[in-house]
C-alpha atoms as a PDB file:
ATOM      1  CA  MET A   1      -5.126  15.655  12.964  1.00  0.00           C
ATOM      2  CA  TYR A   2      -8.391  17.543  13.172  1.00  0.00           C
ATOM      3  CA  TYR A   3     -10.228  19.231  10.333  1.00  0.00           C
ATOM      4  CA  LYS A   4     -13.606  20.873  10.424  1.00  0.00           C
ATOM      5  CA  PRO A   5     -16.121  18.137   9.497  1.00  0.00           C
ATOM      6  CA  TYR A   6     -17.058  18.065   5.813  1.00  0.00           C
ATOM      7  CA  SER A   7     -14.499  20.719   4.899  1.00  0.00           C
ATOM      8  CA  GLN A   8     -12.335  20.242   1.822  1.00  0.00           C
ATOM      9  CA  GLU A   9      -9.407  19.288   4.048  1.00  0.00           C
ATOM     10  CA  TRP A  10     -11.536  16.776   5.968  1.00  0.00           C
ATOM     11  CA  HIS A  11     -12.629  15.066   2.722  1.00  0.00           C
ATOM     12  CA  ARG A  12      -9.068  15.033   1.379  1.00  0.00           C
ATOM     13  CA  PHE A  13      -7.734  13.464   4.588  1.00  0.00           C
ATOM     14  CA  ARG A  14     -10.590  10.943   4.711  1.00  0.00           C
ATOM     15  CA  ASN A  15      -9.995   9.863   1.098  1.00  0.00           C
ATOM     16  CA  LEU A  16      -6.283   9.384   1.700  1.00  0.00           C
ATOM     17  CA  ARG A  17      -6.843   7.501   4.954  1.00  0.00           C
ATOM     18  CA  GLU A  18      -9.409   5.163   3.373  1.00  0.00           C
ATOM     19  CA  SER A  19      -7.062   4.414   0.476  1.00  0.00           C
ATOM     20  CA  LEU A  20      -4.109   3.699   2.735  1.00  0.00           C
ATOM     21  CA  GLU A  21      -6.241   1.592   5.068  1.00  0.00           C
ATOM     22  CA  ALA A  22      -7.435  -0.491   2.101  1.00  0.00           C
ATOM     23  CA  TYR A  23      -3.812  -1.225   1.150  1.00  0.00           C
ATOM     24  CA  LEU A  24      -2.926  -2.078   4.732  1.00  0.00           C
ATOM     25  CA  ASP A  25      -6.047  -4.214   5.286  1.00  0.00           C
ATOM     26  CA  GLU A  26      -5.168  -6.197   2.164  1.00  0.00           C
ATOM     27  CA  LYS A  27      -1.608  -6.566   3.477  1.00  0.00           C
ATOM     28  CA  ILE A  28      -0.099  -5.101   0.313  1.00  0.00           C
ATOM     29  CA  ASP A  29       3.695  -4.995   0.271  1.00  0.00           C
ATOM     30  CA  PRO A  30       4.992  -1.467   1.022  1.00  0.00           C
ATOM     31  CA  GLN A  31       7.037  -1.483  -2.188  1.00  0.00           C
ATOM     32  CA  ASP A  32       3.837  -2.115  -4.182  1.00  0.00           C
ATOM     33  CA  ILE A  33       2.187   0.842  -2.438  1.00  0.00           C
ATOM     34  CA  VAL A  34       5.123   3.078  -3.377  1.00  0.00           C
ATOM     35  CA  THR A  35       5.079   1.740  -6.937  1.00  0.00           C
ATOM     36  CA  ASP A  36       1.361   2.499  -7.254  1.00  0.00           C
ATOM     37  CA  ILE A  37       1.784   6.027  -5.889  1.00  0.00           C
ATOM     38  CA  LEU A  38       4.670   6.754  -8.250  1.00  0.00           C
ATOM     39  CA  TYR A  39       2.717   5.344 -11.198  1.00  0.00           C
ATOM     40  CA  ILE A  40      -0.255   7.583 -10.402  1.00  0.00           C
ATOM     41  CA  LEU A  41       2.016  10.632 -10.155  1.00  0.00           C
ATOM     42  CA  GLU A  42       3.782   9.739 -13.407  1.00  0.00           C
ATOM     43  CA  GLU A  43       0.455   9.272 -15.181  1.00  0.00           C
ATOM     44  CA  ARG A  44      -0.765  12.609 -13.851  1.00  0.00           C
ATOM     45  CA  SER A  45       2.446  14.288 -15.045  1.00  0.00           C
ATOM     46  CA  HIS A  46       1.989  12.937 -18.568  1.00  0.00           C
ATOM     47  CA  VAL A  47      -1.584  14.227 -18.719  1.00  0.00           C
ATOM     48  CA  ALA A  48      -0.508  17.656 -17.452  1.00  0.00           C
ATOM     49  CA  PHE A  49       2.361  17.839 -19.943  1.00  0.00           C
ATOM     50  CA  ALA A  50       0.061  16.878 -22.825  1.00  0.00           C
ATOM     51  CA  SER A  51      -2.318  19.647 -21.779  1.00  0.00           C
ATOM     52  CA  TYR A  52       0.582  22.109 -21.613  1.00  0.00           C
ATOM     53  CA  GLU A  53       1.781  21.097 -25.090  1.00  0.00           C
ATOM     54  CA  GLN A  54      -1.703  21.578 -26.499  1.00  0.00           C
ATOM     55  CA  ALA A  55      -1.952  25.053 -24.955  1.00  0.00           C
ATOM     56  CA  GLU A  56       1.509  25.983 -26.258  1.00  0.00           C
ATOM     57  CA  GLU A  57       0.610  24.791 -29.738  1.00  0.00           C
ATOM     58  CA  LEU A  58      -2.522  26.940 -29.723  1.00  0.00           C
ATOM     59  CA  LYS A  59      -0.595  29.925 -28.348  1.00  0.00           C
ATOM     60  CA  ASN A  60       2.045  29.591 -31.053  1.00  0.00           C
ATOM     61  CA  PHE A  61      -0.610  29.264 -33.739  1.00  0.00           C
ATOM     62  CA  LEU A  62      -2.401  32.391 -32.506  1.00  0.00           C
ATOM     63  CA  THR A  63       0.781  34.471 -32.271  1.00  0.00           C
ATOM     64  CA  ASP A  64       1.918  33.414 -35.748  1.00  0.00           C
ATOM     65  CA  GLN A  65      -1.271  34.767 -37.329  1.00  0.00           C
END
């Protein structure tokens, strides 16, 4: 896969490749890699939902005034 050097896509691909290579170099079990990825996604979902709830609470407060 080719991306223009130093573009956003190039950096994104490089970051992902370096992370995956670190797991592979350390001979991490594939199930542990999947578990880590799912944990990161779950954590990110909780943060996003908390942000959404905060925005909804403010919206409701403002519309009730």
